[in-house]
Amino acid sequence: MFQLLNIKNIVTKNEAILKLIKASNQILTDLYKQRFRDFDLYRKNNFFHKQLLDMSCQVYFHI
């Protein structure tokens, strides 16, 4: 009986560890996606800023 209880306890611990791992993976995935989204936004903003700068330089040198 004790052996059976012990095995059940181990399974429960393993399930708990598995849930913790899944939760931490989800958190890391969300953080990575957020970071990537921020970087993508930064990259796009940087690109538009550069385009605006190029256009303003062209206008300036054209005049």
N, C-alpha and C. Protein backbone atom coordinates (compact mmCIF):
# COMPACT_ATOMS: atom_id res chain seq x y z
N MET A 1 0.83 -1.20 0.00
CA MET A 1 0.00 0.00 0.00
C MET A 1 0.87 1.26 0.00
N PHE A 2 1.91 1.23 0.83
CA PHE A 2 2.80 2.39 0.91
C PHE A 2 3.50 2.62 -0.43
N GLN A 3 3.91 1.52 -1.04
CA GLN A 3 4.58 1.60 -2.35
C GLN A 3 3.65 2.25 -3.38
N LEU A 4 2.42 1.84 -3.41
CA LEU A 4 1.44 2.38 -4.35
C LEU A 4 1.23 3.88 -4.10
N LEU A 5 1.14 4.24 -2.83
CA LEU A 5 0.97 5.64 -2.44
C LEU A 5 2.18 6.46 -2.89
N ASN A 6 3.36 5.87 -2.71
CA ASN A 6 4.60 6.54 -3.08
C ASN A 6 4.66 6.79 -4.58
N ILE A 7 4.27 5.78 -5.37
CA ILE A 7 4.26 5.92 -6.83
C ILE A 7 3.28 7.02 -7.24
N LYS A 8 2.11 7.03 -6.60
CA LYS A 8 1.10 8.04 -6.91
C LYS A 8 1.65 9.44 -6.58
N ASN A 9 2.35 9.53 -5.46
CA ASN A 9 2.95 10.79 -5.04
C ASN A 9 3.98 11.27 -6.06
N ILE A 10 4.80 10.35 -6.56
CA ILE A 10 5.81 10.69 -7.57
C ILE A 10 5.14 11.19 -8.85
N VAL A 11 4.09 10.51 -9.27
CA VAL A 11 3.35 10.90 -10.47
C VAL A 11 2.78 12.31 -10.29
N THR A 12 2.21 12.56 -9.11
CA THR A 12 1.64 13.88 -8.82
C THR A 12 2.73 14.94 -8.86
N LYS A 13 3.90 14.63 -8.29
CA LYS A 13 5.02 15.59 -8.32
C LYS A 13 5.46 15.84 -9.75
N ASN A 14 5.55 14.77 -10.53
CA ASN A 14 5.96 14.92 -11.93
C ASN A 14 4.96 15.77 -12.71
N GLU A 15 3.67 15.56 -12.44
CA GLU A 15 2.64 16.36 -13.11
C GLU A 15 2.77 17.83 -12.72
N ALA A 16 3.05 18.06 -11.44
CA ALA A 16 3.22 19.44 -10.97
C ALA A 16 4.43 20.09 -11.63
N ILE A 17 5.52 19.33 -11.72
CA ILE A 17 6.73 19.85 -12.38
C ILE A 17 6.45 20.13 -13.85
N LEU A 18 5.73 19.22 -14.49
CA LEU A 18 5.38 19.40 -15.90
C LEU A 18 4.53 20.65 -16.10
N LYS A 19 3.57 20.87 -15.19
CA LYS A 19 2.73 22.08 -15.27
C LYS A 19 3.57 23.34 -15.09
N LEU A 20 4.53 23.27 -14.15
CA LEU A 20 5.43 24.42 -13.94
C LEU A 20 6.26 24.71 -15.18
N ILE A 21 6.78 23.65 -15.79
CA ILE A 21 7.59 23.81 -17.00
C ILE A 21 6.75 24.41 -18.12
N LYS A 22 5.53 23.90 -18.29
CA LYS A 22 4.64 24.42 -19.34
C LYS A 22 4.32 25.89 -19.09
N ALA A 23 4.05 26.23 -17.83
CA ALA A 23 3.72 27.62 -17.49
C ALA A 23 4.91 28.53 -17.76
N SER A 24 6.11 28.09 -17.36
CA SER A 24 7.29 28.93 -17.58
C SER A 24 7.60 29.06 -19.07
N ASN A 25 7.38 27.99 -19.82
CA ASN A 25 7.56 28.07 -21.28
C ASN A 25 6.59 29.06 -21.89
N GLN A 26 5.35 29.06 -21.40
CA GLN A 26 4.34 29.99 -21.91
C GLN A 26 4.74 31.43 -21.61
N ILE A 27 5.23 31.66 -20.39
CA ILE A 27 5.67 33.01 -20.01
C ILE A 27 6.83 33.45 -20.90
N LEU A 28 7.80 32.57 -21.10
CA LEU A 28 8.95 32.90 -21.95
C LEU A 28 8.50 33.17 -23.39
N THR A 29 7.57 32.37 -23.88
CA THR A 29 7.06 32.57 -25.24
C THR A 29 6.37 33.92 -25.37
N ASP A 30 5.54 34.26 -24.37
CA ASP A 30 4.85 35.55 -24.39
C ASP A 30 5.84 36.71 -24.34
N LEU A 31 6.86 36.57 -23.48
CA LEU A 31 7.88 37.62 -23.38
C LEU A 31 8.62 37.77 -24.70
N TYR A 32 8.98 36.64 -25.31
CA TYR A 32 9.70 36.66 -26.57
C TYR A 32 8.86 37.33 -27.66
N LYS A 33 7.56 36.98 -27.70
CA LYS A 33 6.67 37.58 -28.70
C LYS A 33 6.56 39.09 -28.49
N GLN A 34 6.44 39.49 -27.22
CA GLN A 34 6.33 40.92 -26.91
C GLN A 34 7.61 41.65 -27.32
N ARG A 35 8.75 41.04 -26.99
CA ARG A 35 10.05 41.62 -27.35
C ARG A 35 10.16 41.76 -28.86
N PHE A 36 9.76 40.70 -29.57
CA PHE A 36 9.83 40.70 -31.03
C PHE A 36 8.91 41.76 -31.61
N ARG A 37 7.69 41.89 -31.02
CA ARG A 37 6.73 42.89 -31.47
C ARG A 37 7.32 44.29 -31.28
N ASP A 38 7.93 44.52 -30.11
CA ASP A 38 8.55 45.81 -29.83
C ASP A 38 9.67 46.09 -30.83
N PHE A 39 10.50 45.06 -31.08
CA PHE A 39 11.62 45.23 -32.01
C PHE A 39 11.11 45.51 -33.42
N ASP A 40 10.04 44.79 -33.81
CA ASP A 40 9.46 44.99 -35.13
C ASP A 40 8.92 46.40 -35.28
N LEU A 41 8.24 46.88 -34.24
CA LEU A 41 7.74 48.26 -34.23
C LEU A 41 8.89 49.24 -34.34
N TYR A 42 9.94 49.00 -33.55
CA TYR A 42 11.12 49.87 -33.57
C TYR A 42 11.75 49.89 -34.96
N ARG A 43 11.85 48.70 -35.55
CA ARG A 43 12.46 48.58 -36.88
C ARG A 43 11.63 49.35 -37.91
N LYS A 44 10.30 49.19 -37.84
CA LYS A 44 9.43 49.90 -38.78
C LYS A 44 9.51 51.40 -38.58
N ASN A 45 9.47 51.83 -37.32
CA ASN A 45 9.57 53.26 -37.03
C ASN A 45 10.90 53.82 -37.50
N ASN A 46 11.95 53.06 -37.29
CA ASN A 46 13.28 53.48 -37.72
C ASN A 46 13.32 53.62 -39.24
N PHE A 47 12.71 52.66 -39.93
CA PHE A 47 12.67 52.68 -41.39
C PHE A 47 11.92 53.92 -41.88
N PHE A 48 10.75 54.19 -41.29
CA PHE A 48 9.97 55.36 -41.70
C PHE A 48 10.71 56.64 -41.36
N HIS A 49 11.38 56.65 -40.22
CA HIS A 49 12.15 57.84 -39.83
C HIS A 49 13.25 58.10 -40.85
N LYS A 50 13.93 57.02 -41.26
CA LYS A 50 15.00 57.15 -42.26
C LYS A 50 14.43 57.64 -43.58
N GLN A 51 13.28 57.11 -43.98
CA GLN A 51 12.64 57.55 -45.22
C GLN A 51 12.29 59.03 -45.15
N LEU A 52 11.73 59.44 -44.03
CA LEU A 52 11.39 60.86 -43.84
C LEU A 52 12.63 61.73 -43.91
N LEU A 53 13.69 61.28 -43.28
CA LEU A 53 14.96 62.01 -43.30
C LEU A 53 15.48 62.12 -44.72
N ASP A 54 15.45 61.01 -45.47
CA ASP A 54 15.89 61.02 -46.87
C ASP A 54 15.05 61.98 -47.69
N MET A 55 13.74 61.93 -47.49
CA MET A 55 12.84 62.81 -48.25
C MET A 55 13.11 64.27 -47.92
N SER A 56 13.31 64.56 -46.64
CA SER A 56 13.55 65.95 -46.26
C SER A 56 14.90 66.43 -46.79
N CYS A 57 15.89 65.53 -46.84
CA CYS A 57 17.19 65.90 -47.41
C CYS A 57 17.04 66.17 -48.90
N GLN A 58 16.26 65.34 -49.59
CA GLN A 58 16.05 65.54 -51.03
C GLN A 58 15.37 66.88 -51.28
N VAL A 59 14.36 67.16 -50.48
CA VAL A 59 13.65 68.44 -50.62
C VAL A 59 14.61 69.59 -50.34
N TYR A 60 15.40 69.45 -49.30
CA TYR A 60 16.34 70.51 -48.92
C TYR A 60 17.36 70.75 -50.02
N PHE A 61 17.93 69.67 -50.55
CA PHE A 61 18.96 69.84 -51.59
C PHE A 61 18.35 70.22 -52.93
N HIS A 62 17.09 69.89 -53.12
CA HIS A 62 16.40 70.25 -54.36
C HIS A 62 16.21 71.76 -54.40
N ILE A 63 15.90 72.35 -53.26
CA ILE A 63 15.68 73.79 -53.18
C ILE A 63 17.04 74.45 -53.25
